[in-house]
């Protein structure tokens, strides 16, 4: 599954993984944008694409729901 991701999408996955490890909850879109030095719109676009790939889960219009699929399985 990870082989299908772009380099930028992979950066989001790694950021979310590290955020969860440090904070114990998901990053907001703004956290992702700030952490990767991208716009909030770009962060949202990448998260939506990753959700479509089944790599991330997030609930639109709900704060800090972004999480890796593997966290749900673990």
C-alpha atoms as a PDB file:
ATOM      1  CA  UNK A   1       0.000   0.000   0.000  1.00  0.00           C
ATOM      2  CA  UNK A   2       2.755   2.454   0.900  1.00  0.00           C
ATOM      3  CA  UNK A   3       4.336   1.952  -2.557  1.00  0.00           C
ATOM      4  CA  UNK A   4       1.296   3.629  -4.140  1.00  0.00           C
ATOM      5  CA  UNK A   5       1.851   6.850  -2.188  1.00  0.00           C
ATOM      6  CA  UNK A   6       3.571   9.937  -3.472  1.00  0.00           C
ATOM      7  CA  UNK A   7       6.563  11.294  -1.600  1.00  0.00           C
ATOM      8  CA  UNK A   8       4.426  14.114  -0.228  1.00  0.00           C
ATOM      9  CA  UNK A   9       1.716  11.732   0.933  1.00  0.00           C
ATOM     10  CA  UNK A  10       4.379   9.631   2.645  1.00  0.00           C
ATOM     11  CA  UNK A  11       5.550  12.760   4.472  1.00  0.00           C
ATOM     12  CA  UNK A  12       2.014  13.234   5.830  1.00  0.00           C
ATOM     13  CA  UNK A  13       1.884   9.611   6.997  1.00  0.00           C
ATOM     14  CA  UNK A  14       5.189   9.980   8.825  1.00  0.00           C
ATOM     15  CA  UNK A  15       4.104  13.291  10.352  1.00  0.00           C
ATOM     16  CA  UNK A  16       0.856  11.770  11.643  1.00  0.00           C
ATOM     17  CA  UNK A  17       2.749   8.747  13.009  1.00  0.00           C
ATOM     18  CA  UNK A  18       5.215  10.975  14.878  1.00  0.00           C
ATOM     19  CA  UNK A  19       2.450  13.294  16.119  1.00  0.00           C
ATOM     20  CA  UNK A  20       0.498  10.356  17.590  1.00  0.00           C
ATOM     21  CA  UNK A  21       3.649   9.011  19.254  1.00  0.00           C
ATOM     22  CA  UNK A  22       4.370  12.369  20.863  1.00  0.00           C
ATOM     23  CA  UNK A  23       0.870  13.620  21.723  1.00  0.00           C
ATOM     24  CA  UNK A  24      -1.392  10.570  21.889  1.00  0.00           C
ATOM     25  CA  UNK A  25      -4.026  12.125  19.612  1.00  0.00           C
ATOM     26  CA  UNK A  26      -4.317  13.145  15.976  1.00  0.00           C
ATOM     27  CA  UNK A  27      -3.000  16.354  14.472  1.00  0.00           C
ATOM     28  CA  UNK A  28      -5.325  19.005  13.122  1.00  0.00           C
ATOM     29  CA  UNK A  29      -5.108  20.075   9.485  1.00  0.00           C
ATOM     30  CA  UNK A  30      -3.357  23.205  10.699  1.00  0.00           C
ATOM     31  CA  UNK A  31      -0.832  21.118  12.650  1.00  0.00           C
ATOM     32  CA  UNK A  32      -0.082  19.103   9.507  1.00  0.00           C
ATOM     33  CA  UNK A  33       0.194  22.265   7.414  1.00  0.00           C
ATOM     34  CA  UNK A  34       2.509  23.946   9.915  1.00  0.00           C
ATOM     35  CA  UNK A  35       4.611  20.822  10.451  1.00  0.00           C
ATOM     36  CA  UNK A  36       5.167  20.265   6.746  1.00  0.00           C
ATOM     37  CA  UNK A  37       5.288  23.963   5.778  1.00  0.00           C
ATOM     38  CA  UNK A  38       2.405  23.644   3.343  1.00  0.00           C
ATOM     39  CA  UNK A  39      -0.958  25.348   3.070  1.00  0.00           C
ATOM     40  CA  UNK A  40      -3.920  24.053   5.030  1.00  0.00           C
ATOM     41  CA  UNK A  41      -5.663  23.336   1.719  1.00  0.00           C
ATOM     42  CA  UNK A  42      -2.710  21.182   0.604  1.00  0.00           C
ATOM     43  CA  UNK A  43      -2.746  19.330   3.926  1.00  0.00           C
ATOM     44  CA  UNK A  44      -6.458  18.653   3.510  1.00  0.00           C
ATOM     45  CA  UNK A  45      -5.990  17.475  -0.070  1.00  0.00           C
ATOM     46  CA  UNK A  46      -3.260  15.018   0.966  1.00  0.00           C
ATOM     47  CA  UNK A  47      -5.249  13.710   3.923  1.00  0.00           C
ATOM     48  CA  UNK A  48      -8.290  13.133   1.686  1.00  0.00           C
ATOM     49  CA  UNK A  49      -6.110  11.232  -0.817  1.00  0.00           C
ATOM     50  CA  UNK A  50      -4.617   9.120   1.977  1.00  0.00           C
ATOM     51  CA  UNK A  51      -8.089   8.355   3.306  1.00  0.00           C
ATOM     52  CA  UNK A  52      -9.082   7.254  -0.193  1.00  0.00           C
ATOM     53  CA  UNK A  53      -6.032   4.930  -0.222  1.00  0.00           C
ATOM     54  CA  UNK A  54      -7.162   3.538   3.135  1.00  0.00           C
ATOM     55  CA  UNK A  55      -3.994   4.704   4.907  1.00  0.00           C
ATOM     56  CA  UNK A  56      -5.612   7.351   7.135  1.00  0.00           C
ATOM     57  CA  UNK A  57      -8.967   7.841   8.768  1.00  0.00           C
ATOM     58  CA  UNK A  58     -10.358  11.272   9.474  1.00  0.00           C
ATOM     59  CA  UNK A  59     -13.761  12.739  10.091  1.00  0.00           C
ATOM     60  CA  UNK A  60     -14.402  15.919   8.094  1.00  0.00           C
ATOM     61  CA  UNK A  61     -15.377  18.974  10.145  1.00  0.00           C
ATOM     62  CA  UNK A  62     -14.251  17.294  13.379  1.00  0.00           C
ATOM     63  CA  UNK A  63     -11.079  18.323  15.206  1.00  0.00           C
ATOM     64  CA  UNK A  64      -8.089  16.023  15.601  1.00  0.00           C
ATOM     65  CA  UNK A  65      -9.631  12.884  14.145  1.00  0.00           C
ATOM     66  CA  UNK A  66      -6.759  12.152  11.742  1.00  0.00           C
ATOM     67  CA  UNK A  67      -5.202   8.788  12.529  1.00  0.00           C
ATOM     68  CA  UNK A  68      -3.372   6.028  10.724  1.00  0.00           C
ATOM     69  CA  UNK A  69      -5.329   2.936   9.759  1.00  0.00           C
ATOM     70  CA  UNK A  70      -2.673   0.817  11.496  1.00  0.00           C
ATOM     71  CA  UNK A  71      -3.458   2.562  14.828  1.00  0.00           C
ATOM     72  CA  UNK A  72      -7.042   1.314  14.548  1.00  0.00           C
ATOM     73  CA  UNK A  73      -5.772  -2.241  14.032  1.00  0.00           C
ATOM     74  CA  UNK A  74      -3.243  -2.025  16.856  1.00  0.00           C
END
